[in-house]
C-alpha cells in the first residue's frame, strides 16, 4: 500500500475513535473498541511515517489528504 493512503486511513480511524472514547466514558464503561481503533490508527500512521523516505511534516498532511482523495475520485 501507498504510505500516503496508510496515513490518511490511520488518521481517519484514530479521529473516529475519539467520539467512541467519550461515549464509553460518559456511560461508565471501558472503551475497549475505541482503544482498539486508536491503536490500529496509530499503528497505520506509524507504518506510513516509517515507510515514507523523510517522513511527513504537519504542513504536508492537508496536501496528502487532498492527493489521496483526488486519486480516489479519478
PDB file of N, CA and C in Angstrom:
ATOM      1  N   UNK A   1       0.824  -1.182   0.000  1.00  0.00           N
ATOM      2  CA  UNK A   1       0.000   0.000   0.000  1.00  0.00           C
ATOM      3  C   UNK A   1       0.862   1.237   0.000  1.00  0.00           C
ATOM      4  N   UNK A   2       0.313   2.280  -0.495  1.00  0.00           N
ATOM      5  CA  UNK A   2       0.973   3.568  -0.552  1.00  0.00           C
ATOM      6  C   UNK A   2       1.020   4.179   0.857  1.00  0.00           C
ATOM      7  N   UNK A   3       2.141   4.805   1.190  1.00  0.00           N
ATOM      8  CA  UNK A   3       2.271   5.373   2.536  1.00  0.00           C
ATOM      9  C   UNK A   3       1.298   6.537   2.754  1.00  0.00           C
ATOM     10  N   UNK A   4       0.982   7.286   1.698  1.00  0.00           N
ATOM     11  CA  UNK A   4       0.008   8.370   1.842  1.00  0.00           C
ATOM     12  C   UNK A   4      -1.368   7.826   2.203  1.00  0.00           C
ATOM     13  N   UNK A   5      -1.763   6.748   1.549  1.00  0.00           N
ATOM     14  CA  UNK A   5      -3.056   6.129   1.836  1.00  0.00           C
ATOM     15  C   UNK A   5      -3.098   5.571   3.257  1.00  0.00           C
ATOM     16  N   UNK A   6      -2.008   4.956   3.691  1.00  0.00           N
ATOM     17  CA  UNK A   6      -1.942   4.444   5.064  1.00  0.00           C
ATOM     18  C   UNK A   6      -2.071   5.573   6.082  1.00  0.00           C
ATOM     19  N   UNK A   7      -1.430   6.702   5.792  1.00  0.00           N
ATOM     20  CA  UNK A   7      -1.507   7.850   6.708  1.00  0.00           C
ATOM     21  C   UNK A   7      -2.938   8.363   6.813  1.00  0.00           C
ATOM     22  N   UNK A   8      -3.602   8.516   5.676  1.00  0.00           N
ATOM     23  CA  UNK A   8      -4.966   9.049   5.677  1.00  0.00           C
ATOM     24  C   UNK A   8      -5.919   8.091   6.391  1.00  0.00           C
ATOM     25  N   UNK A   9      -5.823   6.805   6.091  1.00  0.00           N
ATOM     26  CA  UNK A   9      -6.695   5.821   6.744  1.00  0.00           C
ATOM     27  C   UNK A   9      -6.429   5.787   8.244  1.00  0.00           C
ATOM     28  N   UNK A  10      -5.165   5.814   8.637  1.00  0.00           N
ATOM     29  CA  UNK A  10      -4.816   5.788  10.053  1.00  0.00           C
ATOM     30  C   UNK A  10      -5.328   7.001  10.804  1.00  0.00           C
ATOM     31  N   UNK A  11      -5.180   8.176  10.207  1.00  0.00           N
ATOM     32  CA  UNK A  11      -5.668   9.390  10.865  1.00  0.00           C
ATOM     33  C   UNK A  11      -7.186   9.393  10.963  1.00  0.00           C
ATOM     34  N   UNK A  12      -7.863   8.885   9.938  1.00  0.00           N
ATOM     35  CA  UNK A  12      -9.324   8.848   9.983  1.00  0.00           C
ATOM     36  C   UNK A  12      -9.826   7.862  11.031  1.00  0.00           C
ATOM     37  N   UNK A  13      -9.193   6.701  11.130  1.00  0.00           N
ATOM     38  CA  UNK A  13      -9.590   5.723  12.148  1.00  0.00           C
ATOM     39  C   UNK A  13      -9.344   6.286  13.546  1.00  0.00           C
ATOM     40  N   UNK A  14      -8.199   6.915  13.735  1.00  0.00           N
ATOM     41  CA  UNK A  14      -7.888   7.498  15.046  1.00  0.00           C
ATOM     42  C   UNK A  14      -8.870   8.614  15.396  1.00  0.00           C
ATOM     43  N   UNK A  15      -9.236   9.415  14.416  1.00  0.00           N
ATOM     44  CA  UNK A  15     -10.188  10.505  14.671  1.00  0.00           C
ATOM     45  C   UNK A  15     -11.581   9.962  14.992  1.00  0.00           C
ATOM     46  N   UNK A  16     -11.968   8.874  14.345  1.00  0.00           N
ATOM     47  CA  UNK A  16     -13.281   8.294  14.605  1.00  0.00           C
ATOM     48  C   UNK A  16     -13.356   7.583  15.955  1.00  0.00           C
ATOM     49  N   UNK A  17     -12.221   7.281  16.550  1.00  0.00           N
ATOM     50  CA  UNK A  17     -12.236   6.630  17.853  1.00  0.00           C
ATOM     51  C   UNK A  17     -12.526   7.615  18.985  1.00  0.00           C
ATOM     52  N   UNK A  18     -12.310   8.887  18.756  1.00  0.00           N
ATOM     53  CA  UNK A  18     -12.493   9.884  19.816  1.00  0.00           C
ATOM     54  C   UNK A  18     -13.940   9.961  20.300  1.00  0.00           C
ATOM     55  N   UNK A  19     -14.946  10.032  19.406  1.00  0.00           N
ATOM     56  CA  UNK A  19     -16.329  10.039  19.918  1.00  0.00           C
ATOM     57  C   UNK A  19     -16.695   8.751  20.661  1.00  0.00           C
ATOM     58  N   UNK A  20     -16.132   7.643  20.229  1.00  0.00           N
ATOM     59  CA  UNK A  20     -16.394   6.381  20.905  1.00  0.00           C
ATOM     60  C   UNK A  20     -15.784   6.370  22.312  1.00  0.00           C
ATOM     61  N   UNK A  21     -14.621   6.964  22.455  1.00  0.00           N
ATOM     62  CA  UNK A  21     -13.994   7.062  23.780  1.00  0.00           C
ATOM     63  C   UNK A  21     -14.840   7.931  24.710  1.00  0.00           C
ATOM     64  N   UNK A  22     -15.287   9.063  24.203  1.00  0.00           N
ATOM     65  CA  UNK A  22     -16.114   9.964  25.015  1.00  0.00           C
ATOM     66  C   UNK A  22     -17.418   9.286  25.415  1.00  0.00           C
ATOM     67  N   UNK A  23     -18.053   8.580  24.474  1.00  0.00           N
ATOM     68  CA  UNK A  23     -19.309   7.886  24.779  1.00  0.00           C
ATOM     69  C   UNK A  23     -19.104   6.790  25.818  1.00  0.00           C
ATOM     70  N   UNK A  24     -17.993   6.067  25.717  1.00  0.00           N
ATOM     71  CA  UNK A  24     -17.732   5.000  26.673  1.00  0.00           C
ATOM     72  C   UNK A  24     -17.521   5.560  28.078  1.00  0.00           C
ATOM     73  N   UNK A  25     -16.769   6.643  28.179  1.00  0.00           N
ATOM     74  CA  UNK A  25     -16.541   7.222  29.500  1.00  0.00           C
ATOM     75  C   UNK A  25     -17.809   7.841  30.073  1.00  0.00           C
ATOM     76  N   UNK A  26     -18.657   8.415  29.224  1.00  0.00           N
ATOM     77  CA  UNK A  26     -19.889   9.014  29.742  1.00  0.00           C
ATOM     78  C   UNK A  26     -20.892   7.952  30.190  1.00  0.00           C
ATOM     79  N   UNK A  27     -20.801   6.744  29.627  1.00  0.00           N
ATOM     80  CA  UNK A  27     -21.658   5.635  30.054  1.00  0.00           C
ATOM     81  C   UNK A  27     -21.025   4.794  31.153  1.00  0.00           C
ATOM     82  N   UNK A  28     -19.883   5.199  31.665  1.00  0.00           N
ATOM     83  CA  UNK A  28     -19.133   4.496  32.720  1.00  0.00           C
ATOM     84  C   UNK A  28     -18.813   3.055  32.336  1.00  0.00           C
ATOM     85  N   UNK A  29     -18.302   2.871  31.120  1.00  0.00           N
ATOM     86  CA  UNK A  29     -17.860   1.548  30.685  1.00  0.00           C
ATOM     87  C   UNK A  29     -16.477   1.662  30.064  1.00  0.00           C
ATOM     88  N   UNK A  30     -15.826   0.545  29.927  1.00  0.00           N
ATOM     89  CA  UNK A  30     -14.468   0.538  29.390  1.00  0.00           C
ATOM     90  C   UNK A  30     -14.495   0.791  27.881  1.00  0.00           C
ATOM     91  N   UNK A  31     -13.621   1.651  27.388  1.00  0.00           N
ATOM     92  CA  UNK A  31     -13.599   1.960  25.956  1.00  0.00           C
ATOM     93  C   UNK A  31     -12.766   0.947  25.168  1.00  0.00           C
ATOM     94  N   UNK A  32     -13.178  -0.311  25.163  1.00  0.00           N
ATOM     95  CA  UNK A  32     -12.380  -1.357  24.516  1.00  0.00           C
ATOM     96  C   UNK A  32     -12.312  -1.183  23.004  1.00  0.00           C
ATOM     97  N   UNK A  33     -13.460  -1.035  22.365  1.00  0.00           N
ATOM     98  CA  UNK A  33     -13.479  -0.886  20.911  1.00  0.00           C
ATOM     99  C   UNK A  33     -12.754   0.390  20.489  1.00  0.00           C
ATOM    100  N   UNK A  34     -12.945   1.449  21.247  1.00  0.00           N
ATOM    101  CA  UNK A  34     -12.285   2.711  20.931  1.00  0.00           C
ATOM    102  C   UNK A  34     -10.770   2.584  21.087  1.00  0.00           C
ATOM    103  N   UNK A  35     -10.336   1.857  22.087  1.00  0.00           N
ATOM    104  CA  UNK A  35      -8.902   1.665  22.287  1.00  0.00           C
ATOM    105  C   UNK A  35      -8.294   0.857  21.143  1.00  0.00           C
ATOM    106  N   UNK A  36      -9.021  -0.151  20.681  1.00  0.00           N
ATOM    107  CA  UNK A  36      -8.536  -0.947  19.546  1.00  0.00           C
ATOM    108  C   UNK A  36      -8.444  -0.073  18.298  1.00  0.00           C
ATOM    109  N   UNK A  37      -9.459   0.751  18.074  1.00  0.00           N
ATOM    110  CA  UNK A  37      -9.429   1.649  16.914  1.00  0.00           C
ATOM    111  C   UNK A  37      -8.281   2.649  17.015  1.00  0.00           C
ATOM    112  N   UNK A  38      -8.040   3.171  18.194  1.00  0.00           N
ATOM    113  CA  UNK A  38      -6.967   4.135  18.392  1.00  0.00           C
ATOM    114  C   UNK A  38      -5.602   3.489  18.155  1.00  0.00           C
ATOM    115  N   UNK A  39      -5.413   2.283  18.647  1.00  0.00           N
ATOM    116  CA  UNK A  39      -4.146   1.576  18.441  1.00  0.00           C
ATOM    117  C   UNK A  39      -3.947   1.243  16.962  1.00  0.00           C
ATOM    118  N   UNK A  40      -5.013   0.791  16.298  1.00  0.00           N
ATOM    119  CA  UNK A  40      -4.923   0.470  14.878  1.00  0.00           C
ATOM    120  C   UNK A  40      -4.593   1.716  14.059  1.00  0.00           C
ATOM    121  N   UNK A  41      -5.272   2.812  14.339  1.00  0.00           N
ATOM    122  CA  UNK A  41      -4.977   4.056  13.634  1.00  0.00           C
ATOM    123  C   UNK A  41      -3.561   4.538  13.880  1.00  0.00           C
ATOM    124  N   UNK A  42      -3.117   4.452  15.116  1.00  0.00           N
ATOM    125  CA  UNK A  42      -1.745   4.846  15.439  1.00  0.00           C
ATOM    126  C   UNK A  42      -0.717   3.973  14.759  1.00  0.00           C
ATOM    127  N   UNK A  43      -1.000   2.672  14.679  1.00  0.00           N
ATOM    128  CA  UNK A  43      -0.075   1.758  14.001  1.00  0.00           C
ATOM    129  C   UNK A  43       0.009   2.077  12.509  1.00  0.00           C
ATOM    130  N   UNK A  44      -1.126   2.380  11.892  1.00  0.00           N
ATOM    131  CA  UNK A  44      -1.112   2.729  10.473  1.00  0.00           C
ATOM    132  C   UNK A  44      -0.335   4.022  10.221  1.00  0.00           C
ATOM    133  N   UNK A  45      -0.521   4.994  11.089  1.00  0.00           N
ATOM    134  CA  UNK A  45       0.229   6.251  10.959  1.00  0.00           C
ATOM    135  C   UNK A  45       1.716   5.997  11.139  1.00  0.00           C
ATOM    136  N   UNK A  46       2.081   5.186  12.102  1.00  0.00           N
ATOM    137  CA  UNK A  46       3.487   4.870  12.344  1.00  0.00           C
ATOM    138  C   UNK A  46       4.109   4.151  11.153  1.00  0.00           C
ATOM    139  N   UNK A  47       3.390   3.191  10.579  1.00  0.00           N
ATOM    140  CA  UNK A  47       3.899   2.484   9.397  1.00  0.00           C
ATOM    141  C   UNK A  47       4.066   3.452   8.232  1.00  0.00           C
ATOM    142  N   UNK A  48       3.113   4.355   8.055  1.00  0.00           N
ATOM    143  CA  UNK A  48       3.199   5.334   6.966  1.00  0.00           C
ATOM    144  C   UNK A  48       4.409   6.241   7.136  1.00  0.00           C
ATOM    145  N   UNK A  49       4.657   6.681   8.353  1.00  0.00           N
ATOM    146  CA  UNK A  49       5.800   7.569   8.606  1.00  0.00           C
ATOM    147  C   UNK A  49       7.112   6.827   8.392  1.00  0.00           C
ATOM    148  N   UNK A  50       7.149   5.567   8.800  1.00  0.00           N
ATOM    149  CA  UNK A  50       8.386   4.799   8.672  1.00  0.00           C
ATOM    150  C   UNK A  50       8.679   4.403   7.225  1.00  0.00           C
ATOM    151  N   UNK A  51       7.656   4.199   6.403  1.00  0.00           N
ATOM    152  CA  UNK A  51       7.899   3.759   5.031  1.00  0.00           C
ATOM    153  C   UNK A  51       8.131   4.908   4.060  1.00  0.00           C
ATOM    154  N   UNK A  52       7.748   6.129   4.420  1.00  0.00           N
ATOM    155  CA  UNK A  52       7.985   7.272   3.536  1.00  0.00           C
ATOM    156  C   UNK A  52       9.378   7.818   3.798  1.00  0.00           C
ATOM    157  N   UNK A  53      10.190   7.905   2.770  1.00  0.00           N
ATOM    158  CA  UNK A  53      11.524   8.485   2.962  1.00  0.00           C
ATOM    159  C   UNK A  53      11.423   9.945   3.397  1.00  0.00           C
ATOM    160  N   UNK A  54      12.002  10.277   4.507  1.00  0.00           N
ATOM    161  CA  UNK A  54      11.957  11.631   5.029  1.00  0.00           C
ATOM    162  C   UNK A  54      10.779  11.900   5.935  1.00  0.00           C
ATOM    163  N   UNK A  55       9.811  10.984   5.974  1.00  0.00           N
ATOM    164  CA  UNK A  55       8.652  11.140   6.840  1.00  0.00           C
ATOM    165  C   UNK A  55       7.706  12.233   6.374  1.00  0.00           C
ATOM    166  N   UNK A  56       6.854  12.684   7.271  1.00  0.00           N
ATOM    167  CA  UNK A  56       5.869  13.727   6.988  1.00  0.00           C
ATOM    168  C   UNK A  56       6.060  14.878   7.956  1.00  0.00           C
ATOM    169  N   UNK A  57       5.695  16.061   7.510  1.00  0.00           N
ATOM    170  CA  UNK A  57       5.618  17.203   8.407  1.00  0.00           C
ATOM    171  C   UNK A  57       4.139  17.539   8.595  1.00  0.00           C
ATOM    172  N   UNK A  58       3.852  18.323   9.603  1.00  0.00           N
ATOM    173  CA  UNK A  58       2.456  18.696   9.859  1.00  0.00           C
ATOM    174  C   UNK A  58       1.886  19.522   8.709  1.00  0.00           C
ATOM    175  N   UNK A  59       2.720  20.288   8.039  1.00  0.00           N
ATOM    176  CA  UNK A  59       2.252  21.109   6.925  1.00  0.00           C
ATOM    177  C   UNK A  59       1.905  20.272   5.696  1.00  0.00           C
ATOM    178  N   UNK A  60       2.433  19.067   5.589  1.00  0.00           N
ATOM    179  CA  UNK A  60       2.172  18.213   4.431  1.00  0.00           C
ATOM    180  C   UNK A  60       0.864  17.438   4.550  1.00  0.00           C
ATOM    181  N   UNK A  61       0.321  17.301   5.732  1.00  0.00           N
ATOM    182  CA  UNK A  61      -0.845  16.437   5.941  1.00  0.00           C
ATOM    183  C   UNK A  61      -2.073  16.897   5.150  1.00  0.00           C
ATOM    184  N   UNK A  62      -2.424  18.189   5.115  1.00  0.00           N
ATOM    185  CA  UNK A  62      -3.577  18.574   4.286  1.00  0.00           C
ATOM    186  C   UNK A  62      -3.375  18.251   2.801  1.00  0.00           C
ATOM    187  N   UNK A  63      -2.157  18.436   2.305  1.00  0.00           N
ATOM    188  CA  UNK A  63      -1.884  18.112   0.908  1.00  0.00           C
ATOM    189  C   UNK A  63      -1.980  16.615   0.654  1.00  0.00           C
ATOM    190  N   UNK A  64      -1.554  15.814   1.610  1.00  0.00           N
ATOM    191  CA  UNK A  64      -1.644  14.365   1.472  1.00  0.00           C
ATOM    192  C   UNK A  64      -3.114  13.940   1.410  1.00  0.00           C
ATOM    193  N   UNK A  65      -3.952  14.520   2.273  1.00  0.00           N
ATOM    194  CA  UNK A  65      -5.387  14.225   2.236  1.00  0.00           C
ATOM    195  C   UNK A  65      -5.969  14.571   0.867  1.00  0.00           C
ATOM    196  N   UNK A  66      -5.629  15.753   0.355  1.00  0.00           N
ATOM    197  CA  UNK A  66      -6.160  16.191  -0.939  1.00  0.00           C
ATOM    198  C   UNK A  66      -5.702  15.270  -2.062  1.00  0.00           C
ATOM    199  N   UNK A  67      -4.445  14.854  -2.040  1.00  0.00           N
ATOM    200  CA  UNK A  67      -3.935  13.976  -3.093  1.00  0.00           C
ATOM    201  C   UNK A  67      -4.594  12.614  -3.044  1.00  0.00           C
ATOM    202  N   UNK A  68      -4.796  12.070  -1.854  1.00  0.00           N
ATOM    203  CA  UNK A  68      -5.415  10.749  -1.728  1.00  0.00           C
ATOM    204  C   UNK A  68      -6.866  10.800  -2.192  1.00  0.00           C
ATOM    205  N   UNK A  69      -7.610  11.819  -1.779  1.00  0.00           N
ATOM    206  CA  UNK A  69      -8.997  11.932  -2.198  1.00  0.00           C
ATOM    207  C   UNK A  69      -9.116  12.200  -3.695  1.00  0.00           C
ATOM    208  N   UNK A  70      -8.176  12.958  -4.253  1.00  0.00           N
ATOM    209  CA  UNK A  70      -8.186  13.198  -5.698  1.00  0.00           C
ATOM    210  C   UNK A  70      -7.911  11.900  -6.463  1.00  0.00           C
ATOM    211  N   UNK A  71      -7.015  11.063  -5.946  1.00  0.00           N
ATOM    212  CA  UNK A  71      -6.772   9.767  -6.590  1.00  0.00           C
ATOM    213  C   UNK A  71      -7.985   8.866  -6.521  1.00  0.00           C
ATOM    214  N   UNK A  72      -8.724   8.924  -5.420  1.00  0.00           N
ATOM    215  CA  UNK A  72      -9.900   8.089  -5.288  1.00  0.00           C
ATOM    216  C   UNK A  72     -11.024   8.548  -6.208  1.00  0.00           C
ATOM    217  N   UNK A  73     -11.098   9.839  -6.480  1.00  0.00           N
ATOM    218  CA  UNK A  73     -12.150  10.357  -7.342  1.00  0.00           C
ATOM    219  C   UNK A  73     -11.872  10.127  -8.821  1.00  0.00           C
ATOM    220  N   UNK A  74     -10.614   9.945  -9.168  1.00  0.00           N
ATOM    221  CA  UNK A  74     -10.274   9.708 -10.590  1.00  0.00           C
ATOM    222  C   UNK A  74     -10.434   8.297 -10.981  1.00  0.00           C
TER     223      UNK A  74
END
